[in-house]
């Protein structure tokens, strides 16, 4: 039991901190390939996407993980609710396309939509992996995602010279591939059953996840909003 706990802890550590350290070490590579302006725009795209991810999903990933760890919860209803909320939220975001086409990121709206969608799908499938007790698969998917991001960054930035598009597209492809791997490995198509969705479960999930959204917005205001002011003021 303790050996398994230690093994899972090491995997989580490698998956979580290893990816952050590796991407940090790649910063000199990014700054050597991208101009200051390009690097600034990529940062704005990623940070905007990171703010939109919980807003579009309404924080439902937190609820999928929370109630998925409860053995009495019907995983079919849980997964169906989570996936539907994400797809509906993405549809609403896509309908706001005219508004998004105005401003600093007007040339990268489609890329931003894909980034948010793939990140949310990756997150909800990962939450299901944890709910189903597939801890090693979940940790391994994080390591795979980091490796794909690094490899694709080198390929798309250094070889194909795609600049801003290549940087963001690396994350989009990596999240998409890992989401497909999780979807297939967990057999999640078997858990998508709209008939299994119950009002009681949906009510509990939203009661849990909605209060977490303001915390995300406040964190964004504190940590990231200054970058938008800087961009508006000096370009």
C-alpha atoms as a PDB file:
ATOM      1  CA  UNK A   1       0.000   0.000   0.000  1.00  0.00           C
ATOM      2  CA  UNK A   2       2.735   2.481   1.018  1.00  0.00           C
ATOM      3  CA  UNK A   3       4.830   1.507  -1.998  1.00  0.00           C
ATOM      4  CA  UNK A   4       1.895   2.259  -4.282  1.00  0.00           C
ATOM      5  CA  UNK A   5       1.287   5.581  -2.521  1.00  0.00           C
ATOM      6  CA  UNK A   6       4.949   6.540  -2.916  1.00  0.00           C
ATOM      7  CA  UNK A   7       4.904   5.512  -6.590  1.00  0.00           C
ATOM      8  CA  UNK A   8       1.781   7.579  -7.288  1.00  0.00           C
ATOM      9  CA  UNK A   9       3.257  10.556  -5.409  1.00  0.00           C
ATOM     10  CA  UNK A  10       6.421  10.436  -7.516  1.00  0.00           C
ATOM     11  CA  UNK A  11       4.357  10.224 -10.717  1.00  0.00           C
ATOM     12  CA  UNK A  12       2.237  13.215  -9.708  1.00  0.00           C
ATOM     13  CA  UNK A  13       5.348  15.190  -8.800  1.00  0.00           C
ATOM     14  CA  UNK A  14       7.004  14.456 -12.144  1.00  0.00           C
ATOM     15  CA  UNK A  15       3.788  15.213 -14.017  1.00  0.00           C
ATOM     16  CA  UNK A  16       3.068  18.490 -12.213  1.00  0.00           C
ATOM     17  CA  UNK A  17       6.417  20.045 -11.383  1.00  0.00           C
ATOM     18  CA  UNK A  18       8.470  18.432 -14.148  1.00  0.00           C
ATOM     19  CA  UNK A  19       6.312  20.052 -16.814  1.00  0.00           C
ATOM     20  CA  UNK A  20       6.585  23.502 -15.210  1.00  0.00           C
ATOM     21  CA  UNK A  21      10.361  23.235 -14.798  1.00  0.00           C
ATOM     22  CA  UNK A  22      10.862  21.960 -18.343  1.00  0.00           C
ATOM     23  CA  UNK A  23       8.751  24.710 -19.887  1.00  0.00           C
ATOM     24  CA  UNK A  24      10.581  27.284 -17.771  1.00  0.00           C
ATOM     25  CA  UNK A  25      13.914  26.010 -19.079  1.00  0.00           C
ATOM     26  CA  UNK A  26      12.605  26.430 -22.629  1.00  0.00           C
ATOM     27  CA  UNK A  27      12.044  30.169 -22.151  1.00  0.00           C
ATOM     28  CA  UNK A  28      15.431  31.071 -23.736  1.00  0.00           C
ATOM     29  CA  UNK A  29      14.449  29.000 -26.771  1.00  0.00           C
ATOM     30  CA  UNK A  30      11.144  30.850 -27.110  1.00  0.00           C
ATOM     31  CA  UNK A  31      12.739  34.278 -26.740  1.00  0.00           C
ATOM     32  CA  UNK A  32      15.399  33.417 -29.327  1.00  0.00           C
ATOM     33  CA  UNK A  33      12.794  32.350 -31.900  1.00  0.00           C
ATOM     34  CA  UNK A  34      10.049  34.896 -31.188  1.00  0.00           C
ATOM     35  CA  UNK A  35      10.377  38.658 -31.163  1.00  0.00           C
ATOM     36  CA  UNK A  36       9.452  40.588 -28.015  1.00  0.00           C
ATOM     37  CA  UNK A  37       6.114  41.555 -29.559  1.00  0.00           C
ATOM     38  CA  UNK A  38       5.335  37.968 -30.643  1.00  0.00           C
ATOM     39  CA  UNK A  39       6.225  36.560 -27.243  1.00  0.00           C
ATOM     40  CA  UNK A  40       3.989  39.165 -25.626  1.00  0.00           C
ATOM     41  CA  UNK A  41       1.054  38.236 -27.864  1.00  0.00           C
ATOM     42  CA  UNK A  42       1.485  34.495 -27.215  1.00  0.00           C
ATOM     43  CA  UNK A  43       1.459  35.215 -23.483  1.00  0.00           C
ATOM     44  CA  UNK A  44      -1.769  37.207 -23.835  1.00  0.00           C
ATOM     45  CA  UNK A  45      -3.407  34.403 -25.846  1.00  0.00           C
ATOM     46  CA  UNK A  46      -2.446  31.734 -23.310  1.00  0.00           C
ATOM     47  CA  UNK A  47      -3.452  33.828 -20.293  1.00  0.00           C
ATOM     48  CA  UNK A  48      -6.755  34.820 -21.929  1.00  0.00           C
ATOM     49  CA  UNK A  49      -7.412  31.157 -22.654  1.00  0.00           C
ATOM     50  CA  UNK A  50      -6.594  30.210 -19.054  1.00  0.00           C
ATOM     51  CA  UNK A  51      -9.181  32.728 -17.833  1.00  0.00           C
ATOM     52  CA  UNK A  52     -11.816  31.531 -20.315  1.00  0.00           C
ATOM     53  CA  UNK A  53     -11.300  27.821 -19.535  1.00  0.00           C
ATOM     54  CA  UNK A  54     -13.079  27.842 -16.139  1.00  0.00           C
ATOM     55  CA  UNK A  55     -15.631  30.408 -17.304  1.00  0.00           C
ATOM     56  CA  UNK A  56     -16.610  28.437 -20.408  1.00  0.00           C
ATOM     57  CA  UNK A  57     -16.755  25.165 -18.454  1.00  0.00           C
ATOM     58  CA  UNK A  58     -18.458  26.927 -15.502  1.00  0.00           C
ATOM     59  CA  UNK A  59     -15.907  25.174 -13.307  1.00  0.00           C
ATOM     60  CA  UNK A  60     -17.613  21.843 -13.981  1.00  0.00           C
ATOM     61  CA  UNK A  61     -14.281  19.962 -13.993  1.00  0.00           C
ATOM     62  CA  UNK A  62     -13.980  20.627 -10.256  1.00  0.00           C
ATOM     63  CA  UNK A  63     -17.403  19.085  -9.734  1.00  0.00           C
ATOM     64  CA  UNK A  64     -16.587  16.054 -11.920  1.00  0.00           C
ATOM     65  CA  UNK A  65     -13.535  15.353  -9.784  1.00  0.00           C
ATOM     66  CA  UNK A  66     -15.292  16.041  -6.479  1.00  0.00           C
ATOM     67  CA  UNK A  67     -18.321  13.857  -7.078  1.00  0.00           C
ATOM     68  CA  UNK A  68     -16.391  11.292  -9.104  1.00  0.00           C
ATOM     69  CA  UNK A  69     -14.451  10.372  -5.976  1.00  0.00           C
ATOM     70  CA  UNK A  70     -17.749   9.564  -4.266  1.00  0.00           C
ATOM     71  CA  UNK A  71     -18.412   5.864  -4.856  1.00  0.00           C
ATOM     72  CA  UNK A  72     -22.182   6.416  -4.780  1.00  0.00           C
ATOM     73  CA  UNK A  73     -22.112   8.783  -7.776  1.00  0.00           C
ATOM     74  CA  UNK A  74     -23.247   7.488 -11.163  1.00  0.00           C
ATOM     75  CA  UNK A  75     -20.215   8.047 -13.398  1.00  0.00           C
ATOM     76  CA  UNK A  76     -22.355   8.001 -16.533  1.00  0.00           C
ATOM     77  CA  UNK A  77     -24.478  10.909 -15.398  1.00  0.00           C
ATOM     78  CA  UNK A  78     -21.392  12.676 -14.073  1.00  0.00           C
ATOM     79  CA  UNK A  79     -19.413  12.407 -17.299  1.00  0.00           C
ATOM     80  CA  UNK A  80     -22.384  13.268 -19.518  1.00  0.00           C
ATOM     81  CA  UNK A  81     -23.134  16.392 -17.489  1.00  0.00           C
ATOM     82  CA  UNK A  82     -19.520  17.535 -17.556  1.00  0.00           C
ATOM     83  CA  UNK A  83     -19.102  16.994 -21.288  1.00  0.00           C
ATOM     84  CA  UNK A  84     -22.401  18.654 -22.225  1.00  0.00           C
ATOM     85  CA  UNK A  85     -21.642  21.723 -20.100  1.00  0.00           C
ATOM     86  CA  UNK A  86     -18.244  22.113 -21.766  1.00  0.00           C
ATOM     87  CA  UNK A  87     -19.649  21.751 -25.291  1.00  0.00           C
ATOM     88  CA  UNK A  88     -22.508  24.168 -24.606  1.00  0.00           C
ATOM     89  CA  UNK A  89     -20.096  26.667 -23.058  1.00  0.00           C
ATOM     90  CA  UNK A  90     -17.809  26.404 -26.075  1.00  0.00           C
ATOM     91  CA  UNK A  91     -20.792  26.970 -28.352  1.00  0.00           C
ATOM     92  CA  UNK A  92     -21.725  30.133 -26.459  1.00  0.00           C
ATOM     93  CA  UNK A  93     -18.115  31.343 -26.691  1.00  0.00           C
ATOM     94  CA  UNK A  94     -18.118  30.685 -30.447  1.00  0.00           C
ATOM     95  CA  UNK A  95     -21.326  32.734 -30.809  1.00  0.00           C
ATOM     96  CA  UNK A  96     -19.434  35.670 -29.277  1.00  0.00           C
ATOM     97  CA  UNK A  97     -17.002  35.575 -32.193  1.00  0.00           C
ATOM     98  CA  UNK A  98     -17.922  39.097 -33.459  1.00  0.00           C
ATOM     99  CA  UNK A  99     -17.073  40.595 -30.057  1.00  0.00           C
ATOM    100  CA  UNK A 100     -13.814  38.657 -29.819  1.00  0.00           C
ATOM    101  CA  UNK A 101     -12.790  39.903 -33.261  1.00  0.00           C
ATOM    102  CA  UNK A 102     -12.297  43.371 -31.781  1.00  0.00           C
ATOM    103  CA  UNK A 103      -9.121  44.101 -29.877  1.00  0.00           C
ATOM    104  CA  UNK A 104      -5.579  42.884 -29.384  1.00  0.00           C
ATOM    105  CA  UNK A 105      -6.239  39.225 -30.192  1.00  0.00           C
ATOM    106  CA  UNK A 106      -8.580  39.739 -33.140  1.00  0.00           C
ATOM    107  CA  UNK A 107      -6.336  37.747 -35.492  1.00  0.00           C
ATOM    108  CA  UNK A 108      -6.204  34.714 -33.202  1.00  0.00           C
ATOM    109  CA  UNK A 109      -9.829  34.165 -32.166  1.00  0.00           C
ATOM    110  CA  UNK A 110     -10.158  30.728 -33.804  1.00  0.00           C
ATOM    111  CA  UNK A 111      -6.900  29.621 -32.239  1.00  0.00           C
ATOM    112  CA  UNK A 112      -8.140  30.811 -28.849  1.00  0.00           C
ATOM    113  CA  UNK A 113     -11.416  28.891 -29.259  1.00  0.00           C
ATOM    114  CA  UNK A 114      -9.503  25.690 -30.048  1.00  0.00           C
ATOM    115  CA  UNK A 115      -7.161  26.216 -27.120  1.00  0.00           C
ATOM    116  CA  UNK A 116     -10.047  26.559 -24.658  1.00  0.00           C
ATOM    117  CA  UNK A 117     -11.944  23.572 -26.087  1.00  0.00           C
ATOM    118  CA  UNK A 118      -9.006  21.154 -26.075  1.00  0.00           C
ATOM    119  CA  UNK A 119      -7.867  22.237 -22.620  1.00  0.00           C
ATOM    120  CA  UNK A 120     -11.358  21.656 -21.200  1.00  0.00           C
ATOM    121  CA  UNK A 121     -11.720  18.257 -22.873  1.00  0.00           C
ATOM    122  CA  UNK A 122      -8.299  17.223 -21.576  1.00  0.00           C
ATOM    123  CA  UNK A 123      -9.259  18.398 -18.080  1.00  0.00           C
ATOM    124  CA  UNK A 124     -12.634  16.633 -17.895  1.00  0.00           C
ATOM    125  CA  UNK A 125     -11.205  13.377 -19.266  1.00  0.00           C
ATOM    126  CA  UNK A 126      -8.360  13.652 -16.756  1.00  0.00           C
ATOM    127  CA  UNK A 127     -10.859  14.192 -13.938  1.00  0.00           C
ATOM    128  CA  UNK A 128     -12.688  11.037 -15.035  1.00  0.00           C
ATOM    129  CA  UNK A 129      -9.400   9.114 -14.953  1.00  0.00           C
ATOM    130  CA  UNK A 130      -8.929  10.143 -11.331  1.00  0.00           C
ATOM    131  CA  UNK A 131     -12.564   9.355 -10.509  1.00  0.00           C
ATOM    132  CA  UNK A 132     -12.117   5.863 -11.975  1.00  0.00           C
ATOM    133  CA  UNK A 133      -8.964   5.267  -9.957  1.00  0.00           C
ATOM    134  CA  UNK A 134      -6.628   5.382 -12.972  1.00  0.00           C
ATOM    135  CA  UNK A 135      -4.056   7.486 -11.173  1.00  0.00           C
ATOM    136  CA  UNK A 136      -1.055   6.263 -13.149  1.00  0.00           C
ATOM    137  CA  UNK A 137      -2.839   6.858 -16.445  1.00  0.00           C
ATOM    138  CA  UNK A 138      -3.698  10.380 -15.331  1.00  0.00           C
ATOM    139  CA  UNK A 139      -0.131  11.149 -14.249  1.00  0.00           C
ATOM    140  CA  UNK A 140       1.273   9.565 -17.406  1.00  0.00           C
ATOM    141  CA  UNK A 141      -1.037  11.687 -19.548  1.00  0.00           C
ATOM    142  CA  UNK A 142       0.412  14.811 -17.934  1.00  0.00           C
ATOM    143  CA  UNK A 143       3.943  13.695 -18.771  1.00  0.00           C
ATOM    144  CA  UNK A 144       2.880  12.843 -22.336  1.00  0.00           C
ATOM    145  CA  UNK A 145       1.247  16.262 -22.739  1.00  0.00           C
ATOM    146  CA  UNK A 146       4.429  18.042 -21.643  1.00  0.00           C
ATOM    147  CA  UNK A 147       6.580  15.953 -23.993  1.00  0.00           C
ATOM    148  CA  UNK A 148       4.247  16.709 -26.899  1.00  0.00           C
ATOM    149  CA  UNK A 149       4.236  20.434 -26.178  1.00  0.00           C
ATOM    150  CA  UNK A 150       8.032  20.544 -26.114  1.00  0.00           C
ATOM    151  CA  UNK A 151       8.436  18.439 -29.285  1.00  0.00           C
ATOM    152  CA  UNK A 152       5.780  20.401 -31.175  1.00  0.00           C
ATOM    153  CA  UNK A 153       7.226  23.723 -30.054  1.00  0.00           C
ATOM    154  CA  UNK A 154      10.615  22.774 -31.441  1.00  0.00           C
ATOM    155  CA  UNK A 155       9.061  21.491 -34.678  1.00  0.00           C
ATOM    156  CA  UNK A 156       6.589  24.311 -35.325  1.00  0.00           C
ATOM    157  CA  UNK A 157       8.782  27.170 -34.122  1.00  0.00           C
ATOM    158  CA  UNK A 158      12.259  26.130 -35.154  1.00  0.00           C
ATOM    159  CA  UNK A 159      11.552  24.066 -38.283  1.00  0.00           C
ATOM    160  CA  UNK A 160       8.321  25.465 -39.743  1.00  0.00           C
ATOM    161  CA  UNK A 161       8.742  28.957 -38.298  1.00  0.00           C
ATOM    162  CA  UNK A 162       5.043  29.398 -37.508  1.00  0.00           C
ATOM    163  CA  UNK A 163       5.677  31.935 -34.754  1.00  0.00           C
ATOM    164  CA  UNK A 164       2.679  32.813 -32.589  1.00  0.00           C
ATOM    165  CA  UNK A 165       0.409  30.283 -34.305  1.00  0.00           C
ATOM    166  CA  UNK A 166       2.966  27.506 -33.829  1.00  0.00           C
ATOM    167  CA  UNK A 167       3.398  28.278 -30.137  1.00  0.00           C
ATOM    168  CA  UNK A 168      -0.323  28.126 -29.346  1.00  0.00           C
ATOM    169  CA  UNK A 169      -1.008  25.306 -31.791  1.00  0.00           C
ATOM    170  CA  UNK A 170       1.535  23.162 -29.943  1.00  0.00           C
ATOM    171  CA  UNK A 171      -0.628  23.365 -26.826  1.00  0.00           C
ATOM    172  CA  UNK A 172      -3.826  22.759 -28.795  1.00  0.00           C
ATOM    173  CA  UNK A 173      -2.479  19.620 -30.501  1.00  0.00           C
ATOM    174  CA  UNK A 174      -0.918  18.276 -27.302  1.00  0.00           C
ATOM    175  CA  UNK A 175      -4.162  18.683 -25.328  1.00  0.00           C
ATOM    176  CA  UNK A 176      -6.159  17.166 -28.195  1.00  0.00           C
ATOM    177  CA  UNK A 177      -3.911  14.108 -28.523  1.00  0.00           C
ATOM    178  CA  UNK A 178      -3.863  13.459 -24.767  1.00  0.00           C
ATOM    179  CA  UNK A 179      -7.658  13.905 -24.604  1.00  0.00           C
ATOM    180  CA  UNK A 180      -8.041  11.262 -27.335  1.00  0.00           C
ATOM    181  CA  UNK A 181      -5.672   8.906 -25.503  1.00  0.00           C
ATOM    182  CA  UNK A 182      -7.647   9.265 -22.265  1.00  0.00           C
ATOM    183  CA  UNK A 183     -10.970   8.935 -24.077  1.00  0.00           C
ATOM    184  CA  UNK A 184      -9.861   5.675 -25.700  1.00  0.00           C
ATOM    185  CA  UNK A 185      -7.979   4.209 -22.720  1.00  0.00           C
ATOM    186  CA  UNK A 186     -10.902   4.823 -20.346  1.00  0.00           C
ATOM    187  CA  UNK A 187     -13.594   3.841 -22.851  1.00  0.00           C
ATOM    188  CA  UNK A 188     -15.430   7.052 -22.081  1.00  0.00           C
ATOM    189  CA  UNK A 189     -17.847   6.642 -24.990  1.00  0.00           C
ATOM    190  CA  UNK A 190     -19.618   4.079 -22.787  1.00  0.00           C
ATOM    191  CA  UNK A 191     -20.246   6.747 -20.148  1.00  0.00           C
ATOM    192  CA  UNK A 192     -21.942   9.277 -22.413  1.00  0.00           C
ATOM    193  CA  UNK A 193     -25.606   8.542 -21.753  1.00  0.00           C
ATOM    194  CA  UNK A 194     -27.934  11.572 -21.561  1.00  0.00           C
ATOM    195  CA  UNK A 195     -30.637   9.382 -20.017  1.00  0.00           C
ATOM    196  CA  UNK A 196     -28.407   8.868 -16.971  1.00  0.00           C
ATOM    197  CA  UNK A 197     -28.358  12.575 -16.114  1.00  0.00           C
ATOM    198  CA  UNK A 198     -30.410  13.354 -13.030  1.00  0.00           C
ATOM    199  CA  UNK A 199     -31.571  16.747 -11.820  1.00  0.00           C
ATOM    200  CA  UNK A 200     -30.319  16.049  -8.330  1.00  0.00           C
ATOM    201  CA  UNK A 201     -26.763  15.371  -9.485  1.00  0.00           C
ATOM    202  CA  UNK A 202     -26.713  18.372 -11.823  1.00  0.00           C
ATOM    203  CA  UNK A 203     -27.970  20.622  -9.032  1.00  0.00           C
ATOM    204  CA  UNK A 204     -25.299  19.349  -6.650  1.00  0.00           C
ATOM    205  CA  UNK A 205     -22.541  19.765  -9.232  1.00  0.00           C
ATOM    206  CA  UNK A 206     -23.435  23.375 -10.013  1.00  0.00           C
ATOM    207  CA  UNK A 207     -23.912  24.193  -6.348  1.00  0.00           C
ATOM    208  CA  UNK A 208     -20.346  23.036  -5.805  1.00  0.00           C
ATOM    209  CA  UNK A 209     -18.573  24.487  -8.850  1.00  0.00           C
ATOM    210  CA  UNK A 210     -20.228  27.883  -9.445  1.00  0.00           C
ATOM    211  CA  UNK A 211     -18.908  29.528  -6.252  1.00  0.00           C
ATOM    212  CA  UNK A 212     -15.365  28.669  -7.375  1.00  0.00           C
ATOM    213  CA  UNK A 213     -15.579  30.853 -10.513  1.00  0.00           C
ATOM    214  CA  UNK A 214     -15.268  34.242  -8.730  1.00  0.00           C
ATOM    215  CA  UNK A 215     -12.018  33.021  -7.148  1.00  0.00           C
ATOM    216  CA  UNK A 216     -10.625  32.377 -10.631  1.00  0.00           C
ATOM    217  CA  UNK A 217     -11.692  35.803 -11.876  1.00  0.00           C
ATOM    218  CA  UNK A 218     -10.197  37.540  -8.827  1.00  0.00           C
ATOM    219  CA  UNK A 219      -6.938  35.651  -9.308  1.00  0.00           C
ATOM    220  CA  UNK A 220      -6.868  36.848 -12.924  1.00  0.00           C
ATOM    221  CA  UNK A 221      -7.466  40.468 -11.877  1.00  0.00           C
ATOM    222  CA  UNK A 222      -4.633  40.300  -9.345  1.00  0.00           C
ATOM    223  CA  UNK A 223      -2.045  38.443 -11.421  1.00  0.00           C
ATOM    224  CA  UNK A 224      -2.711  39.073 -15.102  1.00  0.00           C
ATOM    225  CA  UNK A 225      -4.861  42.145 -15.769  1.00  0.00           C
ATOM    226  CA  UNK A 226      -1.829  44.471 -15.720  1.00  0.00           C
ATOM    227  CA  UNK A 227      -0.562  42.841 -18.922  1.00  0.00           C
ATOM    228  CA  UNK A 228      -3.674  43.943 -20.791  1.00  0.00           C
ATOM    229  CA  UNK A 229      -3.345  47.507 -19.524  1.00  0.00           C
ATOM    230  CA  UNK A 230       0.287  47.546 -20.602  1.00  0.00           C
ATOM    231  CA  UNK A 231      -0.601  46.229 -24.059  1.00  0.00           C
ATOM    232  CA  UNK A 232      -3.378  48.793 -24.525  1.00  0.00           C
ATOM    233  CA  UNK A 233      -1.175  51.663 -23.405  1.00  0.00           C
ATOM    234  CA  UNK A 234       2.141  50.940 -25.134  1.00  0.00           C
ATOM    235  CA  UNK A 235       1.365  48.124 -27.607  1.00  0.00           C
END
